[in-house]
Amino acid sequence: YMAVGIIEIKDLCYTYPQSDKPALKNINLTINKGEFILLTGPSGCGKTTFCRALNGLIPKFYNGEMTGQVIVDGLNTADHSTIELAQHVGLIFQNPDNQIFALTVEKDIAFGLENLGKSKAEMFREIDWAASVTGIQDLRHRATHELSGGQKQRLTIASILAMHPSIIVMDEPTSFLDPVGAEHIFEVLEQLNKDLDITIIIIEHRIDIAAKYVDRIIVFDGGMIRSDGLPVDILSDEDTRLLGVGIPRILSLSKRLDRNLFNPLPLTCDQFYQDIISRLPEKTGKLRSKVPLDMQGLSGEYHHQPLIQTQGLFFNYPGNVQALNGVDLTINSGDYVAIMGENGAGKTTLVKHFNGLLRPKAGKVLFEAEDISNKSVAQLARRIGLVFQNPDDQLFEESVEKEISFALHNFGMKEPLIEKRVTWALNLLDISQYREKSPFTLSGGERKRVALASVLAWDPDVLVLDEPTIGQDYGQKERLRHFLVQLRTQGKTVVIVTHDVEFVAESQPHIVLMAGGKIVAEGTTKQIMMDTASLKTCSVAQPEITRLFSKLCEHGLPEDVVDVDEAYDLLSRKLREVSV
């Protein structure tokens, strides 16, 4: 007698309404109770669709055509309502706003429990437990609309946990979280998985964080399962890399170094260090950095004019939640700046002041040395393009093409020019095939690219991108990175708000760290990544490579290393010296 898995999928095929291409083809899969699974693959490969099939949203809510069987916790999804299935499968969407219904945090956690008819006493017990596991006890009485993206993400997890499902499915649960918050969520999930034997399925592009927690990785591509197995096998497989799945930086480094050093390949800093330590010279203590700090600023950055300046900026939202507490910042023409910091630090609030979407309570914003308080958002937008964190806040047209040309018409451009710019933006972001499609039929990552294209098309001088890498797979992030470099060579000024520390390590912007509505520190990528105290204050994790070198620096290697290429050069040279 074969033990039946907690999830059994047989010959599952599904096509969305109004689509001629199946989103899922011939999926056969068994998932056992208590597994912790990572689903990954390029953006738009069918991962989200697959999750919707697990709790009956497909085909019940999305209609379309489904064949095959999905059996969850012994229930065939075709024969049971989504309400019934919700007690077995908790589904957490990519965008927390689609999932928060109540006005306060506590009421939102209670929402599902009320539907299950729990008593008051039981409800409070569950709310206490779920809020404490996810670390939001102190937010219980806050209004949900005042929460930051990451706080909302924790709330959706708490609301699902309170219902005690046996399976939790999460679509990019950490995409809105700062790196420390993301680690925290994974620790929570690991706890639930180990202590309560909850089966967990995660869709995640941030493999570097997920890989060390999960025990199985399933890679989707084009609606099919491409590979399925142990994390280290899947991630060291060439096919996986070719699919554009981002491999943890430590793993790519170990693959590039000599093959005989490692067996198996390490996934974490500690494993890597243990494997390589015997090949390195004895500990000699740290190398001092050769360049004195004040010299680093002289790399020609002083020739640029200040473009955006904020002076003593204060801002609070209604209900007196203080969002900015005296921000003084200068961004020079041609700079590439990353604003980083924990959830709720005021990063998005700050950049919304740049083009007048928000107006300060005190202090002022200057653009090209002029106070912007009497300029309209429309005037400023022509020069300063802002792409929001959530693409749905800025998409409203019925086709991708109309979406991108909308602003161009507003700015009074002529048809031939509009046509040319739309085509250019579509090609640049690799979305030409969706030209006639409605933005709302696209995946989250694709919509994000449409929003970016619609701003790029009018060619603003300053581009402000709020969390541009969320929902983007590794290949798209690489494209974005090259593109930002290209913009800078054209003299554009680029500001990104991001939690993606690996993206920052590879593109090396000037970093501004924020916490509690203030700037805590700013400097080059290397300076900031060495400033462990400020990073801690702002809940920013060091890149994996930097964490590794903070151990290796005892062996005569430099400490301020942030990306794989530099790490490879230094280590391969050091290993050659030693073996001679």
Protein backbone atom coordinates (compact mmCIF):
# COMPACT_ATOMS: atom_id res chain seq x y z
CA TYR A 1 0.00 0.00 0.00
CA MET A 2 1.44 3.34 -1.12
CA ALA A 3 1.11 6.23 1.30
CA VAL A 4 -0.87 8.89 -0.55
CA GLY A 5 0.66 12.37 -0.48
CA ILE A 6 -1.09 15.30 1.15
CA ILE A 7 -1.30 16.76 -2.36
CA GLU A 8 -1.83 14.50 -5.38
CA ILE A 9 -1.96 16.01 -8.85
CA LYS A 10 -2.80 13.89 -11.88
CA ASP A 11 -2.55 15.10 -15.49
CA LEU A 12 -3.47 18.67 -14.61
CA CYS A 13 -3.97 20.99 -17.61
CA TYR A 14 -5.47 24.45 -17.44
CA THR A 15 -6.11 27.32 -19.86
CA TYR A 16 -7.30 30.78 -18.76
CA PRO A 17 -10.43 32.21 -20.42
CA GLN A 18 -9.58 34.29 -23.53
CA SER A 19 -6.26 32.52 -23.86
CA ASP A 20 -5.22 30.06 -26.53
CA LYS A 21 -2.13 28.81 -24.69
CA PRO A 22 -2.42 26.43 -21.74
CA ALA A 23 -0.96 27.93 -18.55
CA LEU A 24 -0.35 24.43 -17.14
CA LYS A 25 0.26 21.27 -19.17
CA ASN A 26 0.26 17.69 -17.88
CA ILE A 27 1.34 18.32 -14.32
CA ASN A 28 1.81 15.13 -12.29
CA LEU A 29 3.03 15.60 -8.77
CA THR A 30 2.93 14.11 -5.30
CA ILE A 31 3.71 16.26 -2.29
CA ASN A 32 4.06 14.55 1.09
CA LYS A 33 2.91 15.79 4.45
CA GLY A 34 5.48 17.98 6.17
CA GLU A 35 7.55 18.81 3.08
CA PHE A 36 8.98 22.33 2.70
CA ILE A 37 9.02 23.05 -1.01
CA LEU A 38 10.31 25.90 -3.14
CA LEU A 39 8.63 26.41 -6.52
CA THR A 40 10.64 28.56 -8.86
CA GLY A 41 11.14 29.31 -12.54
CA PRO A 42 11.09 32.31 -14.88
CA SER A 43 8.40 34.98 -14.44
CA GLY A 44 5.12 33.90 -16.09
CA CYS A 45 5.98 30.17 -16.15
CA GLY A 46 2.78 28.98 -14.45
CA LYS A 47 3.84 28.99 -10.79
CA THR A 48 1.05 31.27 -9.57
CA THR A 49 -1.53 29.45 -11.69
CA PHE A 50 -0.47 26.17 -10.13
CA CYS A 51 -1.02 27.55 -6.62
CA ARG A 52 -4.47 28.83 -7.52
CA ALA A 53 -5.38 25.30 -8.55
CA LEU A 54 -4.49 24.00 -5.09
CA ASN A 55 -7.33 25.76 -3.29
CA GLY A 56 -9.91 25.58 -6.03
CA LEU A 57 -9.65 29.23 -7.18
CA ILE A 58 -8.91 27.52 -10.45
CA PRO A 59 -11.28 26.63 -12.03
CA LYS A 60 -14.03 28.03 -9.74
CA PHE A 61 -13.05 31.69 -9.57
CA TYR A 62 -11.01 32.09 -12.73
CA ASN A 63 -13.19 29.81 -14.91
CA GLY A 64 -11.22 28.72 -17.97
CA GLU A 65 -10.71 25.08 -18.85
CA MET A 66 -9.23 22.54 -16.46
CA THR A 67 -8.70 18.83 -16.95
CA GLY A 68 -7.10 16.29 -14.63
CA GLN A 69 -7.38 16.00 -10.86
CA VAL A 70 -6.18 17.96 -7.87
CA ILE A 71 -6.55 16.16 -4.55
CA VAL A 72 -5.66 18.11 -1.44
CA ASP A 73 -5.72 16.59 2.04
CA GLY A 74 -7.90 13.82 0.59
CA LEU A 75 -10.41 16.25 -0.96
CA ASN A 76 -10.92 16.52 -4.70
CA THR A 77 -10.97 20.29 -5.35
CA ALA A 78 -13.67 19.83 -8.00
CA ASP A 79 -16.16 18.62 -5.37
CA HIS A 80 -15.53 21.11 -2.56
CA SER A 81 -16.11 24.83 -2.08
CA THR A 82 -13.18 27.23 -1.74
CA ILE A 83 -14.38 28.07 1.81
CA GLU A 84 -14.13 24.39 2.74
CA LEU A 85 -10.72 24.05 1.10
CA ALA A 86 -9.46 27.18 2.90
CA GLN A 87 -9.33 25.23 6.17
CA HIS A 88 -6.91 22.80 4.54
CA VAL A 89 -4.93 25.09 2.27
CA GLY A 90 -3.98 28.64 3.22
CA LEU A 91 -3.02 30.64 0.13
CA ILE A 92 -1.07 33.86 0.56
CA PHE A 93 -0.92 36.08 -2.51
CA GLN A 94 1.93 38.08 -3.91
CA ASN A 95 0.34 41.42 -3.11
CA PRO A 96 -0.85 41.69 0.50
CA ASP A 97 -3.38 44.43 -0.36
CA ASN A 98 -5.51 41.86 -2.18
CA GLN A 99 -5.95 39.98 1.04
CA ILE A 100 -6.55 42.49 3.80
CA PHE A 101 -10.23 43.21 4.43
CA ALA A 102 -10.60 44.60 7.92
CA LEU A 103 -9.82 48.07 9.25
CA THR A 104 -7.53 47.00 12.08
CA VAL A 105 -4.86 44.33 12.37
CA GLU A 106 -6.68 42.42 15.07
CA LYS A 107 -9.96 42.38 13.13
CA ASP A 108 -8.20 41.18 10.03
CA ILE A 109 -6.78 38.15 11.85
CA ALA A 110 -10.26 37.53 13.30
CA PHE A 111 -11.93 37.66 9.86
CA GLY A 112 -11.26 34.02 8.92
CA LEU A 113 -11.97 32.79 12.44
CA GLU A 114 -15.40 34.46 12.44
CA ASN A 115 -16.16 32.63 9.20
CA LEU A 116 -15.26 29.37 10.94
CA GLY A 117 -17.62 30.27 13.81
CA LYS A 118 -15.03 30.33 16.61
CA SER A 119 -15.93 31.60 20.10
CA LYS A 120 -14.55 34.95 21.35
CA ALA A 121 -12.16 33.22 23.76
CA GLU A 122 -10.83 30.91 21.06
CA MET A 123 -10.46 33.84 18.69
CA PHE A 124 -8.36 35.85 21.13
CA ARG A 125 -6.17 32.84 21.80
CA GLU A 126 -5.57 32.33 18.08
CA ILE A 127 -5.00 36.05 17.45
CA ASP A 128 -2.44 36.18 20.27
CA TRP A 129 -0.63 33.18 18.93
CA ALA A 130 -0.65 34.19 15.25
CA ALA A 131 0.39 37.78 15.99
CA SER A 132 3.26 36.70 18.21
CA VAL A 133 4.57 34.06 15.80
CA THR A 134 4.70 36.65 13.01
CA GLY A 135 6.04 39.43 15.23
CA ILE A 136 3.16 41.91 14.95
CA GLN A 137 1.75 41.97 18.51
CA ASP A 138 2.55 45.66 18.88
CA LEU A 139 0.57 46.47 15.71
CA ARG A 140 -2.66 44.79 16.85
CA HIS A 141 -4.64 48.00 17.15
CA ARG A 142 -3.15 49.79 14.15
CA ALA A 143 -5.27 50.61 11.12
CA THR A 144 -4.38 48.24 8.29
CA HIS A 145 -3.98 51.04 5.73
CA GLU A 146 -1.20 52.60 7.82
CA LEU A 147 1.00 49.51 7.70
CA SER A 148 4.07 49.30 5.49
CA GLY A 149 4.29 46.65 2.76
CA GLY A 150 6.26 44.29 4.97
CA GLN A 151 3.96 44.70 7.95
CA LYS A 152 0.99 43.89 5.69
CA GLN A 153 2.82 40.81 4.46
CA ARG A 154 3.21 39.56 8.05
CA LEU A 155 -0.43 40.29 8.73
CA THR A 156 -1.62 38.14 5.81
CA ILE A 157 0.55 35.31 7.12
CA ALA A 158 -0.90 35.72 10.63
CA SER A 159 -4.48 35.70 9.29
CA ILE A 160 -3.88 32.44 7.45
CA LEU A 161 -2.01 30.82 10.36
CA ALA A 162 -4.87 31.55 12.75
CA MET A 163 -7.03 29.12 10.75
CA HIS A 164 -4.51 26.28 11.22
CA PRO A 165 -4.46 24.92 7.69
CA SER A 166 -2.44 21.74 7.10
CA ILE A 167 -0.89 23.24 3.96
CA ILE A 168 0.35 26.79 3.46
CA VAL A 169 1.01 28.05 -0.05
CA MET A 170 2.78 31.39 -0.45
CA ASP A 171 3.28 33.34 -3.64
CA GLU A 172 6.49 35.36 -3.12
CA PRO A 173 5.86 35.90 0.57
CA THR A 174 8.98 37.93 1.15
CA SER A 175 8.98 40.14 -1.92
CA PHE A 176 7.85 43.18 0.09
CA LEU A 177 10.12 42.50 3.07
CA ASP A 178 13.48 43.85 4.09
CA PRO A 179 16.17 41.12 4.13
CA VAL A 180 16.05 40.73 7.89
CA GLY A 181 12.25 40.54 7.77
CA ALA A 182 12.47 37.97 4.98
CA GLU A 183 14.80 35.77 7.03
CA HIS A 184 12.37 36.18 9.92
CA ILE A 185 9.42 34.94 7.83
CA PHE A 186 11.44 31.93 6.68
CA GLU A 187 12.34 31.17 10.28
CA VAL A 188 8.63 31.37 11.18
CA LEU A 189 7.79 29.00 8.32
CA GLU A 190 10.56 26.61 9.30
CA GLN A 191 9.21 26.57 12.87
CA LEU A 192 5.66 25.83 11.62
CA ASN A 193 7.01 23.17 9.32
CA LYS A 194 9.09 21.43 12.01
CA ASP A 195 6.88 21.86 15.09
CA LEU A 196 3.41 21.56 13.58
CA ASP A 197 4.31 19.44 10.54
CA ILE A 198 2.58 21.95 8.24
CA THR A 199 3.34 21.34 4.58
CA ILE A 200 4.73 24.51 3.04
CA ILE A 201 4.96 25.46 -0.62
CA ILE A 202 6.67 28.70 -1.50
CA ILE A 203 6.95 30.45 -4.84
CA GLU A 204 10.01 32.61 -4.64
CA HIS A 205 12.53 34.30 -6.92
CA ARG A 206 14.78 35.05 -3.96
CA ILE A 207 16.36 31.63 -3.98
CA ASP A 208 19.39 32.83 -2.03
CA ILE A 209 17.20 33.23 1.05
CA ALA A 210 14.94 30.23 0.47
CA ALA A 211 17.47 27.56 -0.53
CA LYS A 212 18.81 26.87 2.92
CA TYR A 213 15.38 26.28 4.47
CA VAL A 214 13.62 24.06 1.95
CA ASP A 215 14.07 20.34 1.40
CA ARG A 216 12.86 20.15 -2.20
CA ILE A 217 12.89 22.46 -5.21
CA ILE A 218 10.50 22.20 -8.15
CA VAL A 219 11.33 24.25 -11.25
CA PHE A 220 8.52 25.26 -13.61
CA ASP A 221 9.01 26.44 -17.16
CA GLY A 222 6.33 27.11 -19.77
CA GLY A 223 3.57 25.56 -17.67
CA MET A 224 5.44 22.30 -17.14
CA ILE A 225 7.64 20.86 -14.42
CA ARG A 226 11.21 21.11 -15.70
CA SER A 227 12.99 19.57 -12.71
CA ASP A 228 12.24 18.39 -9.20
CA GLY A 229 14.68 17.28 -6.50
CA LEU A 230 17.06 18.18 -3.68
CA PRO A 231 18.09 21.86 -3.49
CA VAL A 232 21.79 21.32 -4.04
CA ASP A 233 21.21 19.03 -7.07
CA ILE A 234 18.70 21.33 -8.72
CA LEU A 235 20.77 24.45 -8.14
CA SER A 236 24.04 22.99 -9.36
CA ASP A 237 22.35 21.72 -12.52
CA GLU A 238 23.26 23.64 -15.71
CA ASP A 239 19.65 23.59 -16.97
CA THR A 240 18.51 25.53 -13.94
CA ARG A 241 21.02 28.27 -14.64
CA LEU A 242 19.98 28.48 -18.28
CA LEU A 243 16.36 28.97 -17.23
CA GLY A 244 17.42 32.21 -15.59
CA VAL A 245 16.78 30.98 -12.09
CA GLY A 246 18.99 32.99 -9.75
CA ILE A 247 21.46 30.70 -8.09
CA PRO A 248 22.61 31.62 -4.56
CA ARG A 249 25.78 33.72 -4.86
CA ILE A 250 27.79 31.35 -2.66
CA LEU A 251 26.88 28.47 -4.97
CA SER A 252 27.88 30.35 -8.13
CA LEU A 253 31.18 31.26 -6.51
CA SER A 254 31.91 27.65 -5.55
CA LYS A 255 31.00 26.45 -9.06
CA ARG A 256 33.48 28.89 -10.62
CA LEU A 257 36.32 27.89 -8.32
CA ASP A 258 38.12 24.58 -8.65
CA ARG A 259 35.67 21.66 -8.71
CA ASN A 260 37.76 19.48 -6.36
CA LEU A 261 37.41 21.90 -3.46
CA PHE A 262 33.83 21.01 -2.71
CA ASN A 263 31.72 17.93 -2.48
CA PRO A 264 28.81 18.55 -2.33
CA LEU A 265 28.68 22.19 -3.41
CA PRO A 266 27.98 24.52 -0.45
CA LEU A 267 24.77 26.58 -0.28
CA THR A 268 25.66 28.72 2.73
CA CYS A 269 28.56 30.89 3.93
CA ASP A 270 29.35 28.54 6.78
CA GLN A 271 29.52 25.46 4.57
CA PHE A 272 31.74 27.29 2.09
CA TYR A 273 34.09 28.50 4.80
CA GLN A 274 34.38 25.04 6.38
CA ASP A 275 35.18 23.50 2.99
CA ILE A 276 37.82 26.02 1.97
CA ILE A 277 39.52 26.85 5.26
CA SER A 278 42.05 24.00 5.02
CA ARG A 279 43.31 25.38 1.66
CA LEU A 280 43.91 28.87 2.99
CA PRO A 281 46.95 30.19 4.87
CA GLU A 282 46.71 30.25 8.67
CA LYS A 283 44.83 33.15 10.24
CA THR A 284 47.00 36.25 10.03
CA GLY A 285 44.47 38.82 11.17
CA LYS A 286 42.75 41.42 8.98
CA LEU A 287 44.27 43.33 6.10
CA ARG A 288 43.82 47.06 6.42
CA SER A 289 42.05 48.63 3.48
CA LYS A 290 44.75 50.41 1.46
CA VAL A 291 42.71 53.40 0.32
CA PRO A 292 42.12 55.96 3.07
CA LEU A 293 38.38 56.60 3.31
CA ASP A 294 38.42 60.28 2.38
CA MET A 295 40.18 59.48 -0.91
CA GLN A 296 37.33 57.32 -2.10
CA GLY A 297 35.02 60.28 -2.51
CA LEU A 298 37.35 61.94 -5.00
CA SER A 299 36.51 59.76 -7.96
CA GLY A 300 35.19 62.74 -9.91
CA GLU A 301 31.81 62.89 -8.20
CA TYR A 302 32.17 66.53 -7.28
CA HIS A 303 31.65 67.94 -10.76
CA HIS A 304 27.94 67.27 -10.72
CA GLN A 305 25.29 69.84 -9.85
CA PRO A 306 22.81 69.05 -7.06
CA LEU A 307 19.57 68.01 -8.78
CA ILE A 308 17.17 67.02 -6.00
CA GLN A 309 17.63 68.33 -2.47
CA THR A 310 15.50 67.89 0.60
CA GLN A 311 16.07 70.21 3.54
CA GLY A 312 14.71 69.37 7.00
CA LEU A 313 11.85 67.35 5.57
CA PHE A 314 9.07 66.36 7.99
CA PHE A 315 5.92 64.50 7.05
CA ASN A 316 3.23 62.62 8.90
CA TYR A 317 0.22 60.66 7.72
CA PRO A 318 -3.25 61.28 9.19
CA GLY A 319 -3.56 59.68 12.61
CA ASN A 320 -0.16 61.20 13.30
CA VAL A 321 2.04 58.34 12.18
CA GLN A 322 5.34 60.17 11.77
CA ALA A 323 6.87 59.10 8.46
CA LEU A 324 9.73 61.56 7.92
CA ASN A 325 11.67 63.13 10.78
CA GLY A 326 13.96 65.75 9.30
CA VAL A 327 15.51 64.36 6.13
CA ASP A 328 18.44 66.21 4.53
CA LEU A 329 19.47 64.62 1.27
CA THR A 330 21.24 65.78 -1.87
CA ILE A 331 21.09 63.82 -5.09
CA ASN A 332 23.42 65.10 -7.79
CA SER A 333 22.77 65.07 -11.49
CA GLY A 334 23.92 61.71 -12.92
CA ASP A 335 23.97 59.90 -9.56
CA TYR A 336 22.81 56.35 -9.08
CA VAL A 337 21.35 56.14 -5.57
CA ALA A 338 19.76 53.27 -3.66
CA ILE A 339 17.59 54.09 -0.65
CA MET A 340 17.51 51.12 1.71
CA GLY A 341 16.16 50.42 5.16
CA GLU A 342 13.60 48.48 7.12
CA ASN A 343 9.91 48.35 6.32
CA GLY A 344 8.19 51.52 7.44
CA ALA A 345 11.44 53.54 7.47
CA GLY A 346 9.91 56.22 5.21
CA LYS A 347 11.66 55.35 1.93
CA THR A 348 8.59 55.44 -0.29
CA THR A 349 7.23 58.49 1.55
CA LEU A 350 10.50 60.29 0.83
CA VAL A 351 10.59 59.61 -2.92
CA LYS A 352 6.94 60.62 -3.29
CA HIS A 353 8.08 64.11 -2.25
CA PHE A 354 10.47 64.35 -5.20
CA ASN A 355 7.71 64.92 -7.74
CA GLY A 356 5.19 66.57 -5.44
CA LEU A 357 2.86 63.60 -4.91
CA LEU A 358 3.26 64.33 -1.20
CA ARG A 359 3.94 67.80 0.18
CA PRO A 360 6.05 68.22 3.33
CA LYS A 361 4.63 69.35 6.68
CA ALA A 362 7.91 71.19 7.26
CA GLY A 363 11.12 71.67 5.31
CA LYS A 364 11.45 71.91 1.55
CA VAL A 365 12.24 70.04 -1.63
CA LEU A 366 14.39 71.66 -4.31
CA PHE A 367 14.68 70.52 -7.91
CA GLU A 368 17.49 72.20 -9.86
CA ALA A 369 17.86 74.59 -6.89
CA GLU A 370 14.22 75.76 -7.13
CA ASP A 371 11.63 75.12 -4.43
CA ILE A 372 9.01 72.81 -5.96
CA SER A 373 6.14 73.81 -3.68
CA ASN A 374 4.44 75.85 -6.40
CA LYS A 375 5.02 73.38 -9.24
CA SER A 376 2.30 70.88 -10.13
CA VAL A 377 2.82 67.13 -10.15
CA ALA A 378 2.23 67.18 -13.91
CA GLN A 379 5.05 69.70 -14.48
CA LEU A 380 7.43 67.74 -12.29
CA ALA A 381 6.50 64.35 -13.73
CA ARG A 382 7.75 65.38 -17.16
CA ARG A 383 11.26 65.52 -15.65
CA ILE A 384 10.98 63.06 -12.73
CA GLY A 385 9.45 59.68 -13.54
CA LEU A 386 8.28 57.58 -10.61
CA VAL A 387 7.47 53.88 -10.93
CA PHE A 388 5.50 52.61 -7.94
CA GLN A 389 6.15 49.48 -5.95
CA ASN A 390 2.79 48.02 -6.87
CA PRO A 391 2.18 48.26 -10.63
CA ASP A 392 -1.58 48.12 -10.15
CA ASP A 393 -1.46 51.62 -8.65
CA GLN A 394 -0.50 52.99 -12.03
CA LEU A 395 -2.05 50.74 -14.68
CA PHE A 396 -5.55 51.48 -15.96
CA GLU A 397 -5.67 51.19 -19.77
CA GLU A 398 -7.16 48.23 -21.65
CA SER A 399 -4.03 47.39 -23.62
CA VAL A 400 -0.32 47.50 -22.92
CA GLU A 401 0.24 49.74 -25.93
CA LYS A 402 -2.36 52.28 -24.75
CA GLU A 403 -0.89 52.16 -21.28
CA ILE A 404 2.55 53.15 -22.56
CA SER A 405 1.32 55.82 -24.97
CA PHE A 406 -1.07 57.42 -22.46
CA ALA A 407 1.41 59.89 -20.95
CA LEU A 408 3.00 60.59 -24.33
CA HIS A 409 -0.35 61.86 -25.65
CA ASN A 410 -0.72 63.97 -22.51
CA PHE A 411 2.67 65.54 -23.09
CA GLY A 412 1.50 66.44 -26.58
CA MET A 413 3.91 64.27 -28.59
CA LYS A 414 3.23 63.61 -32.27
CA GLU A 415 1.94 60.19 -33.41
CA PRO A 416 5.07 58.99 -35.29
CA LEU A 417 7.24 59.79 -32.27
CA ILE A 418 4.78 58.09 -29.91
CA GLU A 419 4.78 54.99 -32.09
CA LYS A 420 8.59 54.94 -32.07
CA ARG A 421 8.92 55.41 -28.31
CA VAL A 422 6.29 52.79 -27.49
CA THR A 423 8.04 50.21 -29.68
CA TRP A 424 11.40 51.10 -28.12
CA ALA A 425 10.07 50.70 -24.56
CA LEU A 426 8.32 47.40 -25.39
CA ASN A 427 11.50 45.94 -26.87
CA LEU A 428 13.69 47.21 -24.10
CA LEU A 429 11.63 45.46 -21.43
CA ASP A 430 10.93 42.41 -23.54
CA ILE A 431 7.15 42.76 -23.54
CA SER A 432 6.47 43.37 -27.27
CA GLN A 433 4.46 40.15 -27.45
CA TYR A 434 1.89 41.67 -25.06
CA ARG A 435 1.38 44.86 -27.06
CA GLU A 436 -2.35 44.25 -27.68
CA LYS A 437 -3.02 42.43 -24.39
CA SER A 438 -4.71 43.89 -21.32
CA PRO A 439 -2.14 44.56 -18.57
CA PHE A 440 -4.41 42.75 -16.12
CA THR A 441 -4.03 39.39 -17.87
CA LEU A 442 -0.26 39.51 -17.30
CA SER A 443 1.67 38.11 -14.34
CA GLY A 444 2.73 40.42 -11.50
CA GLY A 445 6.30 40.57 -12.78
CA GLU A 446 5.15 41.39 -16.31
CA ARG A 447 2.79 44.15 -15.12
CA LYS A 448 5.72 45.62 -13.24
CA ARG A 449 7.62 45.85 -16.53
CA VAL A 450 4.66 47.51 -18.26
CA ALA A 451 4.58 50.18 -15.55
CA LEU A 452 8.32 50.76 -16.01
CA ALA A 453 7.96 50.94 -19.80
CA SER A 454 5.18 53.51 -19.51
CA VAL A 455 7.46 55.85 -17.56
CA LEU A 456 10.63 55.21 -19.58
CA ALA A 457 8.80 55.99 -22.78
CA TRP A 458 8.55 59.71 -22.01
CA ASP A 459 12.28 59.87 -21.24
CA PRO A 460 12.37 61.73 -17.89
CA ASP A 461 15.73 63.06 -16.61
CA VAL A 462 15.31 61.40 -13.24
CA LEU A 463 13.99 57.90 -12.85
CA VAL A 464 12.75 56.85 -9.40
CA LEU A 465 11.99 53.14 -9.09
CA ASP A 466 10.28 51.85 -5.95
CA GLU A 467 11.27 48.19 -5.43
CA PRO A 468 11.93 47.51 -9.14
CA THR A 469 13.15 43.93 -8.61
CA ILE A 470 10.05 42.58 -6.84
CA GLY A 471 8.50 39.73 -8.79
CA GLN A 472 11.27 39.80 -11.39
CA ASP A 473 13.18 36.62 -12.09
CA TYR A 474 16.94 36.52 -12.24
CA GLY A 475 17.18 37.12 -16.00
CA GLN A 476 14.97 40.20 -15.78
CA LYS A 477 16.96 41.58 -12.86
CA GLU A 478 20.15 41.21 -14.86
CA ARG A 479 18.52 43.09 -17.73
CA LEU A 480 17.37 45.82 -15.37
CA ARG A 481 20.87 46.11 -13.96
CA HIS A 482 22.48 46.53 -17.40
CA PHE A 483 19.78 48.97 -18.29
CA LEU A 484 20.44 51.16 -15.24
CA VAL A 485 24.11 51.27 -16.20
CA GLN A 486 23.08 52.34 -19.70
CA LEU A 487 20.85 55.13 -18.33
CA ARG A 488 23.75 56.48 -16.32
CA THR A 489 26.02 56.62 -19.35
CA GLN A 490 23.29 58.78 -20.93
CA GLY A 491 23.59 61.15 -17.96
CA LYS A 492 20.28 60.19 -16.37
CA THR A 493 19.85 60.27 -12.61
CA VAL A 494 18.52 57.03 -11.14
CA VAL A 495 17.10 56.50 -7.65
CA ILE A 496 15.91 53.09 -6.51
CA VAL A 497 14.18 52.14 -3.29
CA THR A 498 15.06 48.52 -2.66
CA HIS A 499 15.54 45.68 -0.21
CA ASP A 500 17.40 43.62 -2.75
CA VAL A 501 20.87 43.65 -1.29
CA GLU A 502 22.30 41.27 -3.91
CA PHE A 503 21.06 43.54 -6.71
CA VAL A 504 22.72 46.49 -4.98
CA ALA A 505 25.97 44.57 -4.48
CA GLU A 506 26.13 43.90 -8.20
CA SER A 507 25.26 47.39 -9.41
CA GLN A 508 27.08 49.34 -6.65
CA PRO A 509 25.07 52.56 -6.22
CA HIS A 510 25.60 55.30 -3.66
CA ILE A 511 23.56 53.98 -0.72
CA VAL A 512 21.34 55.96 1.63
CA LEU A 513 20.26 54.00 4.72
CA MET A 514 17.03 55.01 6.47
CA ALA A 515 15.35 54.08 9.74
CA GLY A 516 12.50 55.77 11.61
CA GLY A 517 12.06 58.52 9.02
CA LYS A 518 15.69 59.66 9.20
CA ILE A 519 18.86 59.05 7.23
CA VAL A 520 21.19 56.88 9.30
CA ALA A 521 24.18 56.69 6.96
CA GLU A 522 25.18 57.20 3.34
CA GLY A 523 28.20 56.24 1.26
CA THR A 524 29.53 53.93 -1.44
CA THR A 525 28.22 50.36 -1.57
CA LYS A 526 31.44 49.07 -0.02
CA GLN A 527 31.50 51.66 2.78
CA ILE A 528 27.91 50.93 3.74
CA MET A 529 28.27 47.15 3.53
CA MET A 530 31.16 47.41 6.02
CA ASP A 531 29.13 49.58 8.41
CA THR A 532 27.57 46.70 10.31
CA ALA A 533 26.11 48.88 13.06
CA SER A 534 24.10 51.05 10.63
CA LEU A 535 23.02 48.01 8.62
CA LYS A 536 21.69 46.47 11.80
CA THR A 537 19.78 49.63 12.77
CA CYS A 538 18.15 49.63 9.33
CA SER A 539 17.42 45.88 9.07
CA VAL A 540 19.58 45.51 5.98
CA ALA A 541 21.51 42.26 5.69
CA GLN A 542 25.00 42.13 4.24
CA PRO A 543 25.32 40.41 0.85
CA GLU A 544 26.22 36.72 1.21
CA ILE A 545 29.63 37.32 -0.33
CA THR A 546 30.39 40.07 2.20
CA ARG A 547 29.38 37.77 5.06
CA LEU A 548 31.77 35.17 3.69
CA PHE A 549 34.66 37.63 3.44
CA SER A 550 34.09 38.84 6.99
CA LYS A 551 35.35 35.33 7.89
CA LEU A 552 37.96 35.03 5.13
CA CYS A 553 39.55 38.37 6.00
CA GLU A 554 41.29 36.66 8.90
CA HIS A 555 43.29 34.74 6.29
CA GLY A 556 44.85 37.71 4.54
CA LEU A 557 41.96 38.50 2.18
CA PRO A 558 40.30 41.93 2.09
CA GLU A 559 37.04 42.40 3.95
CA ASP A 560 35.11 44.82 1.74
CA VAL A 561 34.09 42.43 -1.04
CA VAL A 562 30.49 42.62 -2.23
CA ASP A 563 30.11 40.73 -5.50
CA VAL A 564 30.88 37.31 -6.96
CA ASP A 565 33.31 38.47 -9.67
CA GLU A 566 35.63 40.21 -7.26
CA ALA A 567 35.32 37.33 -4.79
CA TYR A 568 36.30 34.86 -7.50
CA ASP A 569 39.36 36.88 -8.58
CA LEU A 570 40.63 37.23 -5.02
CA LEU A 571 40.02 33.64 -3.97
CA SER A 572 41.40 31.99 -7.09
CA ARG A 573 44.56 34.08 -6.79
CA LYS A 574 44.92 33.27 -3.08
CA LEU A 575 44.40 29.53 -3.69
CA ARG A 576 47.04 29.55 -6.45
CA GLU A 577 49.55 31.30 -4.15
CA VAL A 578 48.97 28.72 -1.45
CA SER A 579 49.25 25.69 -3.72
CA VAL A 580 52.55 26.85 -5.24
